[in-house]
Structures are given as C-alpha cells and as structure tokens.
Amino acid sequence: MDFDEYYDEFTGECERYLAASRSGFEDEGA
C-alpha cells in the first residue's frame, strides 16, 4: 500500500467518525 492509498483510507475513517459524532450530538440535542 502506498502513502496516497493509506492517507485516503485514514481520512475516510476520520470523516466517518466525525459524521457519526455529529449525528450523535444532534440526536442528544434534539
């Protein structure tokens, strides 16, 4: 795996985590 592939996968995981966190906060705030 080259760096670009690793970086893309890492940022993808971060985006999914942040999206899940945002939806979780929104659910609690509702």
N, C-alpha and C. Protein backbone atom coordinates (compact mmCIF):
# COMPACT_ATOMS: atom_id res chain seq x y z
N MET A 1 0.87 -1.20 0.00
CA MET A 1 0.00 0.00 0.00
C MET A 1 0.90 1.24 0.00
N ASP A 2 0.66 2.14 -0.92
CA ASP A 2 1.48 3.35 -0.93
C ASP A 2 0.87 4.42 -0.02
N PHE A 3 1.59 5.50 0.14
CA PHE A 3 1.16 6.51 1.09
C PHE A 3 -0.19 7.12 0.72
N ASP A 4 -0.39 7.39 -0.57
CA ASP A 4 -1.66 8.00 -1.00
C ASP A 4 -2.84 7.12 -0.64
N GLU A 5 -2.72 5.82 -0.85
CA GLU A 5 -3.82 4.91 -0.51
C GLU A 5 -4.05 4.90 0.99
N TYR A 6 -2.97 4.87 1.76
CA TYR A 6 -3.09 4.86 3.22
C TYR A 6 -3.74 6.16 3.70
N TYR A 7 -3.31 7.28 3.12
CA TYR A 7 -3.85 8.57 3.52
C TYR A 7 -5.33 8.67 3.20
N ASP A 8 -5.73 8.22 2.01
CA ASP A 8 -7.14 8.26 1.63
C ASP A 8 -7.98 7.43 2.59
N GLU A 9 -7.47 6.25 2.96
CA GLU A 9 -8.23 5.39 3.86
C GLU A 9 -8.31 6.02 5.25
N PHE A 10 -7.23 6.63 5.70
CA PHE A 10 -7.21 7.26 7.02
C PHE A 10 -8.20 8.42 7.08
N THR A 11 -8.18 9.29 6.07
CA THR A 11 -9.09 10.44 6.06
C THR A 11 -10.54 9.96 5.94
N GLY A 12 -10.76 8.88 5.22
CA GLY A 12 -12.11 8.33 5.10
C GLY A 12 -12.63 7.88 6.46
N GLU A 13 -11.77 7.23 7.25
CA GLU A 13 -12.17 6.80 8.59
C GLU A 13 -12.47 8.02 9.45
N CYS A 14 -11.66 9.06 9.34
CA CYS A 14 -11.88 10.27 10.13
C CYS A 14 -13.22 10.90 9.77
N GLU A 15 -13.53 10.96 8.48
CA GLU A 15 -14.79 11.57 8.04
C GLU A 15 -15.97 10.77 8.57
N ARG A 16 -15.89 9.44 8.53
CA ARG A 16 -16.98 8.62 9.05
C ARG A 16 -17.14 8.83 10.55
N TYR A 17 -16.02 8.92 11.27
CA TYR A 17 -16.07 9.13 12.72
C TYR A 17 -16.70 10.48 13.04
N LEU A 18 -16.28 11.52 12.33
CA LEU A 18 -16.82 12.85 12.58
C LEU A 18 -18.30 12.90 12.24
N ALA A 19 -18.71 12.26 11.16
CA ALA A 19 -20.12 12.25 10.78
C ALA A 19 -20.94 11.54 11.85
N ALA A 20 -20.43 10.44 12.37
CA ALA A 20 -21.15 9.70 13.41
C ALA A 20 -21.22 10.55 14.68
N SER A 21 -20.15 11.27 15.00
CA SER A 21 -20.14 12.11 16.19
C SER A 21 -21.17 13.23 16.05
N ARG A 22 -21.19 13.87 14.86
CA ARG A 22 -22.15 14.97 14.65
C ARG A 22 -23.58 14.46 14.79
N SER A 23 -23.90 13.33 14.17
CA SER A 23 -25.26 12.82 14.23
C SER A 23 -25.60 12.45 15.68
N GLY A 24 -24.62 11.95 16.43
CA GLY A 24 -24.85 11.60 17.83
C GLY A 24 -25.15 12.84 18.65
N PHE A 25 -24.40 13.91 18.43
CA PHE A 25 -24.63 15.14 19.17
C PHE A 25 -26.00 15.72 18.81
N GLU A 26 -26.36 15.64 17.54
CA GLU A 26 -27.65 16.18 17.11
C GLU A 26 -28.79 15.39 17.76
N ASP A 27 -28.62 14.07 17.86
CA ASP A 27 -29.66 13.26 18.48
C ASP A 27 -29.83 13.64 19.96
N GLU A 28 -28.71 13.87 20.66
CA GLU A 28 -28.79 14.22 22.07
C GLU A 28 -29.40 15.61 22.26
N GLY A 29 -29.11 16.53 21.33
CA GLY A 29 -29.59 17.89 21.46
C GLY A 29 -31.06 18.03 21.11
N ALA A 30 -31.60 17.08 20.35
CA ALA A 30 -32.99 17.18 19.90
C ALA A 30 -33.95 17.02 21.08
